[in-house]
């Protein structure tokens, strides 16, 4: 790392935190639906997407206003945090779907 790159680390870490928080906002609406505790609502889904995007954009705008040369580090951090969360969520969903798979014996019992 050069001296210039060390200054990007706090902005990248804050970007990761913003990305994780933006993902958490989406999950606050999505998880109860996936767990069958609440019916899906198009309005709530769109509102959560808008809040999440507003948070991601405001993070970049704030960094741009205070330190323009660190915007890229913050943006990369946001992308990494957000997409790592999506990847972990996808792995969780695939593992949960694999555990709840129907055995052939269960299928036969249901059709009787």
N, C-alpha and C. Protein backbone atom coordinates (compact mmCIF):
# COMPACT_ATOMS: atom_id res chain seq x y z
N UNK A 1 0.84 -1.19 0.00
CA UNK A 1 0.00 0.00 0.00
C UNK A 1 0.87 1.24 0.00
N UNK A 2 0.48 2.17 -0.84
CA UNK A 2 1.15 3.46 -0.81
C UNK A 2 0.47 4.35 0.23
N UNK A 3 1.08 5.47 0.50
CA UNK A 3 0.53 6.40 1.49
C UNK A 3 -0.84 6.91 1.06
N UNK A 4 -1.05 7.09 -0.24
CA UNK A 4 -2.34 7.57 -0.74
C UNK A 4 -3.45 6.54 -0.52
N UNK A 5 -3.13 5.28 -0.68
CA UNK A 5 -4.14 4.23 -0.53
C UNK A 5 -4.56 4.03 0.92
N UNK A 6 -3.67 4.30 1.86
CA UNK A 6 -4.02 4.14 3.27
C UNK A 6 -5.13 5.11 3.68
N UNK A 7 -5.22 6.25 3.05
CA UNK A 7 -6.28 7.20 3.34
C UNK A 7 -7.64 6.74 2.86
N UNK A 8 -7.66 5.78 1.94
CA UNK A 8 -8.93 5.26 1.42
C UNK A 8 -9.57 4.24 2.34
N UNK A 9 -8.79 3.62 3.22
CA UNK A 9 -9.30 2.52 4.04
C UNK A 9 -10.49 2.93 4.91
N UNK A 10 -10.44 4.05 5.64
CA UNK A 10 -11.63 4.41 6.44
C UNK A 10 -12.87 4.65 5.59
N UNK A 11 -12.68 5.21 4.40
CA UNK A 11 -13.82 5.46 3.52
C UNK A 11 -14.37 4.16 2.95
N UNK A 12 -13.49 3.22 2.65
CA UNK A 12 -13.95 1.91 2.17
C UNK A 12 -14.70 1.16 3.27
N UNK A 13 -14.19 1.23 4.49
CA UNK A 13 -14.86 0.55 5.61
C UNK A 13 -16.22 1.20 5.88
N UNK A 14 -16.30 2.52 5.82
CA UNK A 14 -17.60 3.17 6.01
C UNK A 14 -18.54 2.81 4.87
N UNK A 15 -18.00 2.65 3.67
CA UNK A 15 -18.83 2.21 2.54
C UNK A 15 -19.38 0.82 2.75
N UNK A 16 -18.56 -0.09 3.27
CA UNK A 16 -19.04 -1.44 3.57
C UNK A 16 -20.15 -1.38 4.61
N UNK A 17 -19.98 -0.56 5.64
CA UNK A 17 -21.01 -0.43 6.67
C UNK A 17 -22.31 0.11 6.08
N UNK A 18 -22.22 1.08 5.20
CA UNK A 18 -23.42 1.63 4.55
C UNK A 18 -24.08 0.57 3.68
N UNK A 19 -23.29 -0.21 2.94
CA UNK A 19 -23.84 -1.27 2.11
C UNK A 19 -24.55 -2.34 2.91
N UNK A 20 -23.96 -2.72 4.05
CA UNK A 20 -24.60 -3.72 4.92
C UNK A 20 -25.89 -3.16 5.51
N UNK A 21 -25.88 -1.90 5.92
CA UNK A 21 -27.08 -1.27 6.46
C UNK A 21 -28.18 -1.17 5.41
N UNK A 22 -27.82 -0.82 4.19
CA UNK A 22 -28.80 -0.75 3.11
C UNK A 22 -29.40 -2.11 2.82
N UNK A 23 -28.58 -3.15 2.89
CA UNK A 23 -29.10 -4.51 2.71
C UNK A 23 -30.01 -4.89 3.87
N UNK A 24 -29.65 -4.48 5.08
CA UNK A 24 -30.48 -4.77 6.25
C UNK A 24 -31.87 -4.18 6.15
N UNK A 25 -31.97 -3.01 5.53
CA UNK A 25 -33.28 -2.39 5.33
C UNK A 25 -34.14 -3.26 4.42
N UNK A 26 -33.55 -3.78 3.37
CA UNK A 26 -34.30 -4.68 2.49
C UNK A 26 -34.71 -5.96 3.22
N UNK A 27 -33.82 -6.50 4.01
CA UNK A 27 -34.12 -7.74 4.72
C UNK A 27 -35.18 -7.56 5.80
N UNK A 28 -35.26 -6.37 6.37
CA UNK A 28 -36.29 -6.10 7.38
C UNK A 28 -37.69 -6.28 6.80
N UNK A 29 -37.83 -6.05 5.52
CA UNK A 29 -39.13 -6.22 4.86
C UNK A 29 -39.26 -7.62 4.27
N UNK A 30 -38.16 -8.17 3.76
CA UNK A 30 -38.23 -9.44 3.04
C UNK A 30 -38.29 -10.67 3.95
N UNK A 31 -37.55 -10.68 5.04
CA UNK A 31 -37.50 -11.88 5.88
C UNK A 31 -38.84 -12.29 6.48
N UNK A 32 -39.65 -11.36 7.00
CA UNK A 32 -40.95 -11.80 7.51
C UNK A 32 -41.83 -12.44 6.43
N UNK A 33 -41.69 -11.99 5.19
CA UNK A 33 -42.45 -12.58 4.10
C UNK A 33 -41.94 -13.98 3.80
N UNK A 34 -40.61 -14.14 3.79
CA UNK A 34 -40.04 -15.46 3.51
C UNK A 34 -40.33 -16.46 4.62
N UNK A 35 -40.49 -15.97 5.83
CA UNK A 35 -40.80 -16.85 6.97
C UNK A 35 -42.30 -17.04 7.16
N UNK A 36 -43.09 -16.55 6.22
CA UNK A 36 -44.54 -16.67 6.23
C UNK A 36 -45.19 -16.05 7.46
N UNK A 37 -44.61 -14.99 7.98
CA UNK A 37 -45.17 -14.28 9.11
C UNK A 37 -45.98 -13.06 8.66
N UNK A 38 -45.79 -12.65 7.42
CA UNK A 38 -46.49 -11.50 6.88
C UNK A 38 -46.70 -11.72 5.39
N UNK A 39 -47.83 -11.20 4.87
CA UNK A 39 -48.08 -11.28 3.44
C UNK A 39 -47.19 -10.28 2.71
N UNK A 40 -46.85 -10.61 1.50
CA UNK A 40 -46.03 -9.72 0.69
C UNK A 40 -46.83 -8.47 0.35
N UNK A 41 -46.14 -7.34 0.39
CA UNK A 41 -46.76 -6.06 0.07
C UNK A 41 -45.88 -5.34 -0.94
N UNK A 42 -46.46 -5.05 -2.07
CA UNK A 42 -45.71 -4.36 -3.11
C UNK A 42 -45.28 -2.98 -2.63
N UNK A 43 -46.16 -2.30 -1.93
CA UNK A 43 -45.84 -0.95 -1.44
C UNK A 43 -44.67 -0.99 -0.46
N UNK A 44 -44.69 -1.93 0.50
CA UNK A 44 -43.60 -2.03 1.47
C UNK A 44 -42.29 -2.42 0.79
N UNK A 45 -42.37 -3.27 -0.22
CA UNK A 45 -41.18 -3.65 -0.96
C UNK A 45 -40.57 -2.47 -1.69
N UNK A 46 -41.40 -1.69 -2.36
CA UNK A 46 -40.89 -0.52 -3.07
C UNK A 46 -40.33 0.52 -2.12
N UNK A 47 -40.99 0.71 -0.99
CA UNK A 47 -40.50 1.69 -0.01
C UNK A 47 -39.14 1.25 0.53
N UNK A 48 -38.99 -0.04 0.82
CA UNK A 48 -37.69 -0.51 1.33
C UNK A 48 -36.60 -0.36 0.28
N UNK A 49 -36.92 -0.60 -0.98
CA UNK A 49 -35.94 -0.41 -2.06
C UNK A 49 -35.56 1.06 -2.16
N UNK A 50 -36.55 1.95 -2.08
CA UNK A 50 -36.26 3.39 -2.18
C UNK A 50 -35.40 3.87 -1.01
N UNK A 51 -35.70 3.39 0.20
CA UNK A 51 -34.91 3.79 1.36
C UNK A 51 -33.48 3.26 1.24
N UNK A 52 -33.36 2.02 0.80
CA UNK A 52 -32.04 1.42 0.63
C UNK A 52 -31.21 2.19 -0.40
N UNK A 53 -31.82 2.50 -1.54
CA UNK A 53 -31.10 3.26 -2.57
C UNK A 53 -30.77 4.67 -2.09
N UNK A 54 -31.68 5.28 -1.35
CA UNK A 54 -31.42 6.62 -0.82
C UNK A 54 -30.23 6.59 0.13
N UNK A 55 -30.14 5.56 0.94
CA UNK A 55 -29.02 5.42 1.86
C UNK A 55 -27.71 5.24 1.10
N UNK A 56 -27.72 4.39 0.08
CA UNK A 56 -26.51 4.18 -0.72
C UNK A 56 -26.08 5.47 -1.42
N UNK A 57 -27.04 6.18 -1.99
CA UNK A 57 -26.71 7.43 -2.69
C UNK A 57 -26.25 8.51 -1.71
N UNK A 58 -26.91 8.61 -0.58
CA UNK A 58 -26.53 9.66 0.37
C UNK A 58 -25.12 9.41 0.92
N UNK A 59 -24.73 8.15 1.08
CA UNK A 59 -23.37 7.85 1.52
C UNK A 59 -22.34 8.38 0.55
N UNK A 60 -22.57 8.15 -0.73
CA UNK A 60 -21.64 8.64 -1.75
C UNK A 60 -21.66 10.16 -1.81
N UNK A 61 -22.83 10.76 -1.70
CA UNK A 61 -22.92 12.22 -1.77
C UNK A 61 -22.20 12.87 -0.59
N UNK A 62 -22.36 12.32 0.61
CA UNK A 62 -21.69 12.89 1.78
C UNK A 62 -20.18 12.81 1.62
N UNK A 63 -19.68 11.67 1.16
CA UNK A 63 -18.24 11.54 0.95
C UNK A 63 -17.78 12.51 -0.14
N UNK A 64 -18.56 12.67 -1.18
CA UNK A 64 -18.21 13.61 -2.26
C UNK A 64 -18.12 15.04 -1.73
N UNK A 65 -19.04 15.41 -0.84
CA UNK A 65 -19.04 16.77 -0.32
C UNK A 65 -17.83 17.05 0.57
N UNK A 66 -17.38 16.03 1.30
CA UNK A 66 -16.28 16.25 2.24
C UNK A 66 -14.91 15.90 1.67
N UNK A 67 -14.84 14.91 0.81
CA UNK A 67 -13.54 14.50 0.28
C UNK A 67 -13.74 13.82 -1.07
N UNK A 68 -13.65 14.59 -2.13
CA UNK A 68 -13.94 14.08 -3.46
C UNK A 68 -13.00 12.98 -3.91
N UNK A 69 -11.78 12.99 -3.43
CA UNK A 69 -10.83 11.98 -3.91
C UNK A 69 -11.07 10.61 -3.28
N UNK A 70 -11.95 10.51 -2.28
CA UNK A 70 -12.23 9.22 -1.64
C UNK A 70 -13.59 8.65 -2.03
N UNK A 71 -14.24 9.24 -3.01
CA UNK A 71 -15.57 8.77 -3.41
C UNK A 71 -15.51 7.34 -3.95
N UNK A 72 -14.51 7.05 -4.76
CA UNK A 72 -14.41 5.72 -5.34
C UNK A 72 -14.22 4.66 -4.27
N UNK A 73 -13.43 4.94 -3.25
CA UNK A 73 -13.22 3.97 -2.17
C UNK A 73 -14.53 3.70 -1.43
N UNK A 74 -15.30 4.74 -1.18
CA UNK A 74 -16.59 4.58 -0.50
C UNK A 74 -17.55 3.78 -1.38
N UNK A 75 -17.60 4.10 -2.65
CA UNK A 75 -18.50 3.41 -3.57
C UNK A 75 -18.14 1.93 -3.69
N UNK A 76 -16.87 1.64 -3.80
CA UNK A 76 -16.43 0.24 -3.86
C UNK A 76 -16.78 -0.48 -2.56
N UNK A 77 -16.59 0.20 -1.43
CA UNK A 77 -16.97 -0.39 -0.15
C UNK A 77 -18.46 -0.68 -0.06
N UNK A 78 -19.29 0.24 -0.54
CA UNK A 78 -20.73 0.01 -0.56
C UNK A 78 -21.09 -1.19 -1.41
N UNK A 79 -20.50 -1.27 -2.59
CA UNK A 79 -20.78 -2.40 -3.48
C UNK A 79 -20.35 -3.72 -2.85
N UNK A 80 -19.17 -3.73 -2.25
CA UNK A 80 -18.68 -4.96 -1.62
C UNK A 80 -19.61 -5.37 -0.47
N UNK A 81 -19.95 -4.44 0.40
CA UNK A 81 -20.82 -4.76 1.53
C UNK A 81 -22.17 -5.25 1.07
N UNK A 82 -22.77 -4.58 0.10
CA UNK A 82 -24.10 -4.94 -0.38
C UNK A 82 -24.10 -6.30 -1.07
N UNK A 83 -23.13 -6.52 -1.97
CA UNK A 83 -23.12 -7.77 -2.72
C UNK A 83 -22.65 -8.96 -1.90
N UNK A 84 -21.80 -8.75 -0.92
CA UNK A 84 -21.44 -9.84 -0.02
C UNK A 84 -22.67 -10.28 0.78
N UNK A 85 -23.46 -9.32 1.23
CA UNK A 85 -24.70 -9.67 1.94
C UNK A 85 -25.66 -10.43 1.03
N UNK A 86 -25.81 -9.99 -0.23
CA UNK A 86 -26.68 -10.71 -1.15
C UNK A 86 -26.17 -12.13 -1.38
N UNK A 87 -24.86 -12.29 -1.49
CA UNK A 87 -24.30 -13.63 -1.68
C UNK A 87 -24.56 -14.52 -0.48
N UNK A 88 -24.35 -13.99 0.71
CA UNK A 88 -24.62 -14.78 1.92
C UNK A 88 -26.09 -15.12 2.03
N UNK A 89 -26.96 -14.19 1.66
CA UNK A 89 -28.39 -14.45 1.69
C UNK A 89 -28.77 -15.54 0.68
N UNK A 90 -28.17 -15.51 -0.51
CA UNK A 90 -28.45 -16.53 -1.52
C UNK A 90 -27.99 -17.90 -1.04
N UNK A 91 -26.82 -17.97 -0.42
CA UNK A 91 -26.33 -19.24 0.12
C UNK A 91 -27.27 -19.75 1.21
N UNK A 92 -27.71 -18.84 2.08
CA UNK A 92 -28.66 -19.22 3.14
C UNK A 92 -29.96 -19.77 2.54
N UNK A 93 -30.48 -19.12 1.50
CA UNK A 93 -31.72 -19.59 0.88
C UNK A 93 -31.54 -20.95 0.22
N UNK A 94 -30.40 -21.16 -0.43
CA UNK A 94 -30.16 -22.44 -1.07
C UNK A 94 -30.01 -23.55 -0.04
N UNK A 95 -29.35 -23.24 1.08
CA UNK A 95 -29.20 -24.25 2.12
C UNK A 95 -30.54 -24.55 2.78
N UNK A 96 -31.35 -23.52 3.00
CA UNK A 96 -32.66 -23.73 3.61
C UNK A 96 -33.57 -24.51 2.67
N UNK A 97 -33.48 -24.26 1.37
CA UNK A 97 -34.29 -24.99 0.40
C UNK A 97 -33.85 -26.45 0.34
N UNK A 98 -32.56 -26.71 0.49
CA UNK A 98 -32.07 -28.09 0.47
C UNK A 98 -32.52 -28.87 1.69
N UNK A 99 -32.62 -28.22 2.84
CA UNK A 99 -33.06 -28.90 4.06
C UNK A 99 -34.54 -29.20 4.05
N UNK A 100 -35.33 -28.41 3.35
CA UNK A 100 -36.77 -28.62 3.35
C UNK A 100 -37.24 -29.40 2.14
N UNK A 101 -36.31 -30.04 1.46
CA UNK A 101 -36.72 -30.80 0.28
C UNK A 101 -37.56 -31.99 0.69
N UNK A 102 -38.46 -32.35 -0.17
CA UNK A 102 -39.41 -33.42 0.10
C UNK A 102 -38.77 -34.77 -0.22
N UNK A 103 -38.86 -35.68 0.69
CA UNK A 103 -38.42 -37.05 0.44
C UNK A 103 -39.50 -37.76 -0.38
N UNK A 104 -39.13 -38.74 -1.17
CA UNK A 104 -40.15 -39.48 -1.95
C UNK A 104 -41.22 -40.10 -1.06
N UNK A 105 -40.85 -40.55 0.14
CA UNK A 105 -41.85 -41.14 1.03
C UNK A 105 -42.90 -40.12 1.45
N UNK A 106 -42.47 -38.88 1.67
CA UNK A 106 -43.40 -37.83 2.06
C UNK A 106 -44.37 -37.50 0.92
N UNK A 107 -43.86 -37.56 -0.29
CA UNK A 107 -44.72 -37.27 -1.45
C UNK A 107 -45.80 -38.33 -1.55
N UNK A 108 -45.44 -39.58 -1.33
CA UNK A 108 -46.42 -40.66 -1.40
C UNK A 108 -47.46 -40.52 -0.32
N UNK A 109 -47.05 -40.11 0.88
CA UNK A 109 -48.01 -39.95 1.98
C UNK A 109 -48.98 -38.83 1.70
N UNK A 110 -48.53 -37.77 1.07
CA UNK A 110 -49.40 -36.64 0.78
C UNK A 110 -50.43 -36.94 -0.29
N UNK A 111 -50.08 -37.79 -1.23
CA UNK A 111 -50.99 -38.08 -2.34
C UNK A 111 -52.03 -39.12 -1.97
N UNK A 112 -51.91 -39.79 -0.83
CA UNK A 112 -52.89 -40.82 -0.43
C UNK A 112 -54.17 -40.20 0.05
